[in-house]
């Protein structure tokens, strides 16, 4: 199931909750990067990062990503297929 992106401002999370991407392989299993997960202070930073590195992630076996704010799933999984 794919969750549609929420509009900005539709949810107020606890202050300081990091934004991060859950990385998934083609079978839907979580991929844990060797250097740990990347965390971002804002949604825009997280989305910019995945926009910059999606091809590299795909080369490393990541098939899809899901965006989280803290423990809350915001949207995804989103395919990284070109």
PDB file of N, CA and C in Angstrom:
ATOM      1  N   UNK A   1       0.844  -1.176   0.000  1.00  0.00           N
ATOM      2  CA  UNK A   1       0.000   0.000   0.000  1.00  0.00           C
ATOM      3  C   UNK A   1       0.885   1.233   0.000  1.00  0.00           C
ATOM      4  N   UNK A   2       0.555   2.197  -0.809  1.00  0.00           N
ATOM      5  CA  UNK A   2       1.307   3.438  -0.880  1.00  0.00           C
ATOM      6  C   UNK A   2       0.476   4.553  -0.277  1.00  0.00           C
ATOM      7  N   UNK A   3       1.075   5.282   0.637  1.00  0.00           N
ATOM      8  CA  UNK A   3       0.400   6.425   1.240  1.00  0.00           C
ATOM      9  C   UNK A   3       0.722   7.665   0.432  1.00  0.00           C
ATOM     10  N   UNK A   4      -0.281   8.457   0.127  1.00  0.00           N
ATOM     11  CA  UNK A   4      -0.083   9.708  -0.599  1.00  0.00           C
ATOM     12  C   UNK A   4       0.578  10.721   0.323  1.00  0.00           C
ATOM     13  N   UNK A   5       1.397  11.602  -0.236  1.00  0.00           N
ATOM     14  CA  UNK A   5       2.017  12.632   0.591  1.00  0.00           C
ATOM     15  C   UNK A   5       0.968  13.500   1.274  1.00  0.00           C
ATOM     16  N   UNK A   6       1.262  13.875   2.503  1.00  0.00           N
ATOM     17  CA  UNK A   6       0.375  14.783   3.228  1.00  0.00           C
ATOM     18  C   UNK A   6       0.739  16.214   2.860  1.00  0.00           C
ATOM     19  N   UNK A   7      -0.242  17.096   2.797  1.00  0.00           N
ATOM     20  CA  UNK A   7       0.081  18.498   2.534  1.00  0.00           C
ATOM     21  C   UNK A   7       0.885  19.076   3.689  1.00  0.00           C
ATOM     22  N   UNK A   8       1.753  20.020   3.369  1.00  0.00           N
ATOM     23  CA  UNK A   8       2.521  20.683   4.417  1.00  0.00           C
ATOM     24  C   UNK A   8       1.565  21.318   5.409  1.00  0.00           C
ATOM     25  N   UNK A   9       1.891  21.218   6.683  1.00  0.00           N
ATOM     26  CA  UNK A   9       1.082  21.844   7.711  1.00  0.00           C
ATOM     27  C   UNK A   9      -0.130  21.051   8.127  1.00  0.00           C
ATOM     28  N   UNK A  10      -0.292  19.819   7.616  1.00  0.00           N
ATOM     29  CA  UNK A  10      -1.474  19.035   7.964  1.00  0.00           C
ATOM     30  C   UNK A  10      -1.314  18.302   9.286  1.00  0.00           C
ATOM     31  N   UNK A  11      -0.109  18.303   9.834  1.00  0.00           N
ATOM     32  CA  UNK A  11       0.151  17.595  11.080  1.00  0.00           C
ATOM     33  C   UNK A  11       1.237  18.337  11.829  1.00  0.00           C
ATOM     34  N   UNK A  12       1.070  18.472  13.100  1.00  0.00           N
ATOM     35  CA  UNK A  12       2.097  19.104  13.917  1.00  0.00           C
ATOM     36  C   UNK A  12       2.739  18.041  14.783  1.00  0.00           C
ATOM     37  N   UNK A  13       3.994  17.758  14.522  1.00  0.00           N
ATOM     38  CA  UNK A  13       4.720  16.750  15.295  1.00  0.00           C
ATOM     39  C   UNK A  13       5.378  17.407  16.492  1.00  0.00           C
ATOM     40  N   UNK A  14       5.889  16.562  17.362  1.00  0.00           N
ATOM     41  CA  UNK A  14       6.613  17.102  18.505  1.00  0.00           C
ATOM     42  C   UNK A  14       7.836  17.851  18.008  1.00  0.00           C
ATOM     43  N   UNK A  15       8.172  18.913  18.684  1.00  0.00           N
ATOM     44  CA  UNK A  15       9.303  19.738  18.281  1.00  0.00           C
ATOM     45  C   UNK A  15      10.570  18.900  18.256  1.00  0.00           C
ATOM     46  N   UNK A  16      11.333  19.052  17.194  1.00  0.00           N
ATOM     47  CA  UNK A  16      12.610  18.378  17.102  1.00  0.00           C
ATOM     48  C   UNK A  16      12.560  16.953  16.586  1.00  0.00           C
ATOM     49  N   UNK A  17      11.390  16.463  16.167  1.00  0.00           N
ATOM     50  CA  UNK A  17      11.322  15.103  15.626  1.00  0.00           C
ATOM     51  C   UNK A  17      12.099  15.069  14.315  1.00  0.00           C
ATOM     52  N   UNK A  18      13.060  14.152  14.186  1.00  0.00           N
ATOM     53  CA  UNK A  18      13.846  14.116  12.951  1.00  0.00           C
ATOM     54  C   UNK A  18      13.055  13.517  11.793  1.00  0.00           C
ATOM     55  N   UNK A  19      13.358  13.974  10.619  1.00  0.00           N
ATOM     56  CA  UNK A  19      12.815  13.404   9.390  1.00  0.00           C
ATOM     57  C   UNK A  19      13.840  12.401   8.897  1.00  0.00           C
ATOM     58  N   UNK A  20      13.376  11.236   8.413  1.00  0.00           N
ATOM     59  CA  UNK A  20      14.301  10.212   7.938  1.00  0.00           C
ATOM     60  C   UNK A  20      13.602   9.292   6.953  1.00  0.00           C
ATOM     61  N   UNK A  21      14.402   8.607   6.155  1.00  0.00           N
ATOM     62  CA  UNK A  21      13.892   7.684   5.151  1.00  0.00           C
ATOM     63  C   UNK A  21      14.126   6.253   5.587  1.00  0.00           C
ATOM     64  N   UNK A  22      13.080   5.434   5.509  1.00  0.00           N
ATOM     65  CA  UNK A  22      13.238   3.993   5.671  1.00  0.00           C
ATOM     66  C   UNK A  22      13.546   3.460   4.275  1.00  0.00           C
ATOM     67  N   UNK A  23      14.638   2.726   4.152  1.00  0.00           N
ATOM     68  CA  UNK A  23      15.072   2.192   2.870  1.00  0.00           C
ATOM     69  C   UNK A  23      14.625   0.737   2.763  1.00  0.00           C
ATOM     70  N   UNK A  24      14.059   0.365   1.612  1.00  0.00           N
ATOM     71  CA  UNK A  24      13.522  -0.982   1.418  1.00  0.00           C
ATOM     72  C   UNK A  24      14.125  -1.628   0.179  1.00  0.00           C
ATOM     73  N   UNK A  25      14.397  -2.937   0.267  1.00  0.00           N
ATOM     74  CA  UNK A  25      14.872  -3.657  -0.910  1.00  0.00           C
ATOM     75  C   UNK A  25      13.677  -4.095  -1.762  1.00  0.00           C
ATOM     76  N   UNK A  26      13.945  -4.816  -2.835  1.00  0.00           N
ATOM     77  CA  UNK A  26      12.885  -5.212  -3.768  1.00  0.00           C
ATOM     78  C   UNK A  26      11.844  -6.127  -3.129  1.00  0.00           C
ATOM     79  N   UNK A  27      12.214  -6.824  -2.050  1.00  0.00           N
ATOM     80  CA  UNK A  27      11.277  -7.702  -1.344  1.00  0.00           C
ATOM     81  C   UNK A  27      10.561  -6.998  -0.197  1.00  0.00           C
ATOM     82  N   UNK A  28      10.812  -5.690  -0.043  1.00  0.00           N
ATOM     83  CA  UNK A  28      10.164  -4.931   1.021  1.00  0.00           C
ATOM     84  C   UNK A  28      10.850  -5.022   2.368  1.00  0.00           C
ATOM     85  N   UNK A  29      12.049  -5.607   2.390  1.00  0.00           N
ATOM     86  CA  UNK A  29      12.807  -5.693   3.645  1.00  0.00           C
ATOM     87  C   UNK A  29      13.581  -4.403   3.872  1.00  0.00           C
ATOM     88  N   UNK A  30      13.699  -4.020   5.131  1.00  0.00           N
ATOM     89  CA  UNK A  30      14.420  -2.800   5.488  1.00  0.00           C
ATOM     90  C   UNK A  30      15.907  -2.986   5.216  1.00  0.00           C
ATOM     91  N   UNK A  31      16.499  -1.999   4.562  1.00  0.00           N
ATOM     92  CA  UNK A  31      17.932  -1.956   4.293  1.00  0.00           C
ATOM     93  C   UNK A  31      18.539  -0.976   5.288  1.00  0.00           C
ATOM     94  N   UNK A  32      19.534  -1.432   6.035  1.00  0.00           N
ATOM     95  CA  UNK A  32      20.199  -0.563   7.008  1.00  0.00           C
ATOM     96  C   UNK A  32      21.553  -0.148   6.442  1.00  0.00           C
ATOM     97  N   UNK A  33      21.759   1.144   6.193  1.00  0.00           N
ATOM     98  CA  UNK A  33      23.042   1.600   5.661  1.00  0.00           C
ATOM     99  C   UNK A  33      24.172   1.354   6.663  1.00  0.00           C
ATOM    100  N   UNK A  34      25.364   1.097   6.155  1.00  0.00           N
ATOM    101  CA  UNK A  34      26.524   0.843   7.007  1.00  0.00           C
ATOM    102  C   UNK A  34      26.814   2.025   7.929  1.00  0.00           C
ATOM    103  N   UNK A  35      26.535   3.237   7.458  1.00  0.00           N
ATOM    104  CA  UNK A  35      26.815   4.432   8.260  1.00  0.00           C
ATOM    105  C   UNK A  35      25.598   4.903   9.057  1.00  0.00           C
ATOM    106  N   UNK A  36      24.584   4.052   9.162  1.00  0.00           N
ATOM    107  CA  UNK A  36      23.384   4.412   9.928  1.00  0.00           C
ATOM    108  C   UNK A  36      22.421   5.224   9.089  1.00  0.00           C
ATOM    109  N   UNK A  37      21.245   5.464   9.653  1.00  0.00           N
ATOM    110  CA  UNK A  37      20.245   6.213   8.897  1.00  0.00           C
ATOM    111  C   UNK A  37      20.568   7.702   8.929  1.00  0.00           C
ATOM    112  N   UNK A  38      20.215   8.363   7.846  1.00  0.00           N
ATOM    113  CA  UNK A  38      20.365   9.811   7.743  1.00  0.00           C
ATOM    114  C   UNK A  38      19.151  10.473   8.383  1.00  0.00           C
ATOM    115  N   UNK A  39      19.367  11.469   9.220  1.00  0.00           N
ATOM    116  CA  UNK A  39      18.267  12.234   9.810  1.00  0.00           C
ATOM    117  C   UNK A  39      18.389  13.685   9.373  1.00  0.00           C
ATOM    118  N   UNK A  40      17.242  14.331   9.230  1.00  0.00           N
ATOM    119  CA  UNK A  40      17.196  15.688   8.695  1.00  0.00           C
ATOM    120  C   UNK A  40      16.314  16.559   9.576  1.00  0.00           C
ATOM    121  N   UNK A  41      16.627  17.852   9.675  1.00  0.00           N
ATOM    122  CA  UNK A  41      15.833  18.737  10.527  1.00  0.00           C
ATOM    123  C   UNK A  41      14.484  19.120   9.926  1.00  0.00           C
ATOM    124  N   UNK A  42      14.357  19.019   8.588  1.00  0.00           N
ATOM    125  CA  UNK A  42      13.109  19.412   7.938  1.00  0.00           C
ATOM    126  C   UNK A  42      12.719  18.411   6.854  1.00  0.00           C
ATOM    127  N   UNK A  43      11.452  18.449   6.497  1.00  0.00           N
ATOM    128  CA  UNK A  43      10.952  17.609   5.403  1.00  0.00           C
ATOM    129  C   UNK A  43      11.648  17.977   4.100  1.00  0.00           C
ATOM    130  N   UNK A  44      11.813  19.258   3.861  1.00  0.00           N
ATOM    131  CA  UNK A  44      12.455  19.711   2.630  1.00  0.00           C
ATOM    132  C   UNK A  44      13.880  19.178   2.523  1.00  0.00           C
ATOM    133  N   UNK A  45      14.616  19.177   3.625  1.00  0.00           N
ATOM    134  CA  UNK A  45      15.978  18.640   3.616  1.00  0.00           C
ATOM    135  C   UNK A  45      15.974  17.152   3.286  1.00  0.00           C
ATOM    136  N   UNK A  46      15.047  16.408   3.885  1.00  0.00           N
ATOM    137  CA  UNK A  46      14.953  14.969   3.626  1.00  0.00           C
ATOM    138  C   UNK A  46      14.613  14.707   2.161  1.00  0.00           C
ATOM    139  N   UNK A  47      13.656  15.451   1.626  1.00  0.00           N
ATOM    140  CA  UNK A  47      13.249  15.248   0.239  1.00  0.00           C
ATOM    141  C   UNK A  47      14.352  15.667  -0.736  1.00  0.00           C
ATOM    142  N   UNK A  48      15.081  16.716  -0.409  1.00  0.00           N
ATOM    143  CA  UNK A  48      16.206  17.127  -1.254  1.00  0.00           C
ATOM    144  C   UNK A  48      17.282  16.046  -1.284  1.00  0.00           C
ATOM    145  N   UNK A  49      17.562  15.468  -0.106  1.00  0.00           N
ATOM    146  CA  UNK A  49      18.586  14.428  -0.011  1.00  0.00           C
ATOM    147  C   UNK A  49      18.226  13.226  -0.871  1.00  0.00           C
ATOM    148  N   UNK A  50      16.995  12.730  -0.753  1.00  0.00           N
ATOM    149  CA  UNK A  50      16.628  11.547  -1.540  1.00  0.00           C
ATOM    150  C   UNK A  50      16.603  11.891  -3.026  1.00  0.00           C
ATOM    151  N   UNK A  51      16.246  13.128  -3.365  1.00  0.00           N
ATOM    152  CA  UNK A  51      16.281  13.551  -4.756  1.00  0.00           C
ATOM    153  C   UNK A  51      17.688  13.566  -5.323  1.00  0.00           C
ATOM    154  N   UNK A  52      18.656  13.865  -4.483  1.00  0.00           N
ATOM    155  CA  UNK A  52      20.053  13.909  -4.907  1.00  0.00           C
ATOM    156  C   UNK A  52      20.684  12.518  -4.965  1.00  0.00           C
ATOM    157  N   UNK A  53      20.307  11.637  -4.052  1.00  0.00           N
ATOM    158  CA  UNK A  53      20.998  10.354  -3.915  1.00  0.00           C
ATOM    159  C   UNK A  53      20.190   9.133  -4.353  1.00  0.00           C
ATOM    160  N   UNK A  54      19.000   9.314  -4.957  1.00  0.00           N
ATOM    161  CA  UNK A  54      18.163   8.158  -5.281  1.00  0.00           C
ATOM    162  C   UNK A  54      18.867   7.176  -6.205  1.00  0.00           C
ATOM    163  N   UNK A  55      19.606   7.648  -7.190  1.00  0.00           N
ATOM    164  CA  UNK A  55      20.265   6.733  -8.128  1.00  0.00           C
ATOM    165  C   UNK A  55      21.337   5.907  -7.420  1.00  0.00           C
ATOM    166  N   UNK A  56      22.086   6.536  -6.542  1.00  0.00           N
ATOM    167  CA  UNK A  56      23.109   5.827  -5.764  1.00  0.00           C
ATOM    168  C   UNK A  56      22.462   4.796  -4.840  1.00  0.00           C
ATOM    169  N   UNK A  57      21.359   5.178  -4.212  1.00  0.00           N
ATOM    170  CA  UNK A  57      20.631   4.237  -3.354  1.00  0.00           C
ATOM    171  C   UNK A  57      20.156   3.034  -4.166  1.00  0.00           C
ATOM    172  N   UNK A  58      19.604   3.290  -5.344  1.00  0.00           N
ATOM    173  CA  UNK A  58      19.114   2.209  -6.200  1.00  0.00           C
ATOM    174  C   UNK A  58      20.254   1.274  -6.597  1.00  0.00           C
ATOM    175  N   UNK A  59      21.418   1.831  -6.910  1.00  0.00           N
ATOM    176  CA  UNK A  59      22.587   1.009  -7.244  1.00  0.00           C
ATOM    177  C   UNK A  59      23.003   0.128  -6.072  1.00  0.00           C
ATOM    178  N   UNK A  60      22.745   0.588  -4.857  1.00  0.00           N
ATOM    179  CA  UNK A  60      23.099  -0.159  -3.644  1.00  0.00           C
ATOM    180  C   UNK A  60      22.006  -1.135  -3.213  1.00  0.00           C
ATOM    181  N   UNK A  61      20.975  -1.319  -4.052  1.00  0.00           N
ATOM    182  CA  UNK A  61      19.951  -2.311  -3.760  1.00  0.00           C
ATOM    183  C   UNK A  61      18.695  -1.790  -3.096  1.00  0.00           C
ATOM    184  N   UNK A  62      18.575  -0.469  -2.963  1.00  0.00           N
ATOM    185  CA  UNK A  62      17.354   0.108  -2.389  1.00  0.00           C
ATOM    186  C   UNK A  62      16.335   0.249  -3.517  1.00  0.00           C
ATOM    187  N   UNK A  63      15.161  -0.341  -3.327  1.00  0.00           N
ATOM    188  CA  UNK A  63      14.121  -0.311  -4.361  1.00  0.00           C
ATOM    189  C   UNK A  63      13.054   0.740  -4.089  1.00  0.00           C
ATOM    190  N   UNK A  64      12.874   1.100  -2.807  1.00  0.00           N
ATOM    191  CA  UNK A  64      11.828   2.056  -2.436  1.00  0.00           C
ATOM    192  C   UNK A  64      12.205   2.721  -1.118  1.00  0.00           C
ATOM    193  N   UNK A  65      11.584   3.860  -0.859  1.00  0.00           N
ATOM    194  CA  UNK A  65      11.823   4.598   0.384  1.00  0.00           C
ATOM    195  C   UNK A  65      10.490   5.053   0.972  1.00  0.00           C
ATOM    196  N   UNK A  66      10.467   5.171   2.296  1.00  0.00           N
ATOM    197  CA  UNK A  66       9.300   5.686   3.007  1.00  0.00           C
ATOM    198  C   UNK A  66       9.778   6.801   3.920  1.00  0.00           C
ATOM    199  N   UNK A  67       9.101   7.948   3.871  1.00  0.00           N
ATOM    200  CA  UNK A  67       9.481   9.093   4.689  1.00  0.00           C
ATOM    201  C   UNK A  67       8.787   9.041   6.044  1.00  0.00           C
ATOM    202  N   UNK A  68       9.564   9.271   7.094  1.00  0.00           N
ATOM    203  CA  UNK A  68       9.055   9.333   8.464  1.00  0.00           C
ATOM    204  C   UNK A  68       9.425  10.666   9.091  1.00  0.00           C
ATOM    205  N   UNK A  69       8.553  11.124   9.990  1.00  0.00           N
ATOM    206  CA  UNK A  69       8.859  12.236  10.883  1.00  0.00           C
ATOM    207  C   UNK A  69       8.803  11.639  12.280  1.00  0.00           C
ATOM    208  N   UNK A  70       9.970  11.439  12.874  1.00  0.00           N
ATOM    209  CA  UNK A  70      10.010  10.710  14.137  1.00  0.00           C
ATOM    210  C   UNK A  70       9.518   9.295  13.893  1.00  0.00           C
ATOM    211  N   UNK A  71       8.473   8.873  14.615  1.00  0.00           N
ATOM    212  CA  UNK A  71       7.896   7.538  14.445  1.00  0.00           C
ATOM    213  C   UNK A  71       6.699   7.523  13.501  1.00  0.00           C
ATOM    214  N   UNK A  72       6.317   8.679  12.981  1.00  0.00           N
ATOM    215  CA  UNK A  72       5.118   8.792  12.143  1.00  0.00           C
ATOM    216  C   UNK A  72       5.463   8.642  10.667  1.00  0.00           C
ATOM    217  N   UNK A  73       4.803   7.680  10.007  1.00  0.00           N
ATOM    218  CA  UNK A  73       4.984   7.508   8.572  1.00  0.00           C
ATOM    219  C   UNK A  73       4.254   8.630   7.848  1.00  0.00           C
ATOM    220  N   UNK A  74       4.975   9.360   7.000  1.00  0.00           N
ATOM    221  CA  UNK A  74       4.396  10.485   6.271  1.00  0.00           C
ATOM    222  C   UNK A  74       3.902  10.025   4.899  1.00  0.00           C
ATOM    223  N   UNK A  75       4.761   9.356   4.126  1.00  0.00           N
ATOM    224  CA  UNK A  75       4.331   8.764   2.862  1.00  0.00           C
ATOM    225  C   UNK A  75       5.315   7.705   2.399  1.00  0.00           C
ATOM    226  N   UNK A  76       4.810   6.865   1.521  1.00  0.00           N
ATOM    227  CA  UNK A  76       5.621   5.805   0.959  1.00  0.00           C
ATOM    228  C   UNK A  76       4.942   4.470   1.131  1.00  0.00           C
ATOM    229  N   UNK A  77       5.541   3.432   0.650  1.00  0.00           N
ATOM    230  CA  UNK A  77       6.841   3.446  -0.023  1.00  0.00           C
ATOM    231  C   UNK A  77       6.762   4.069  -1.422  1.00  0.00           C
ATOM    232  N   UNK A  78       7.850   4.723  -1.780  1.00  0.00           N
ATOM    233  CA  UNK A  78       7.985   5.382  -3.070  1.00  0.00           C
ATOM    234  C   UNK A  78       9.105   4.671  -3.830  1.00  0.00           C
ATOM    235  N   UNK A  79       8.800   4.178  -5.008  1.00  0.00           N
ATOM    236  CA  UNK A  79       9.764   3.431  -5.811  1.00  0.00           C
ATOM    237  C   UNK A  79      10.919   4.319  -6.258  1.00  0.00           C
ATOM    238  N   UNK A  80      12.107   3.723  -6.343  1.00  0.00           N
ATOM    239  CA  UNK A  80      13.275   4.425  -6.868  1.00  0.00           C
ATOM    240  C   UNK A  80      13.596   4.001  -8.297  1.00  0.00           C
ATOM    241  N   UNK A  81      12.693   3.244  -8.925  1.00  0.00           N
ATOM    242  CA  UNK A  81      12.914   2.834 -10.310  1.00  0.00           C
ATOM    243  C   UNK A  81      12.838   4.046 -11.220  1.00  0.00           C
ATOM    244  N   UNK A  82      13.788   4.113 -12.147  1.00  0.00           N
ATOM    245  CA  UNK A  82      13.836   5.256 -13.069  1.00  0.00           C
ATOM    246  C   UNK A  82      12.736   5.173 -14.097  1.00  0.00           C
TER     247      UNK A  82
END
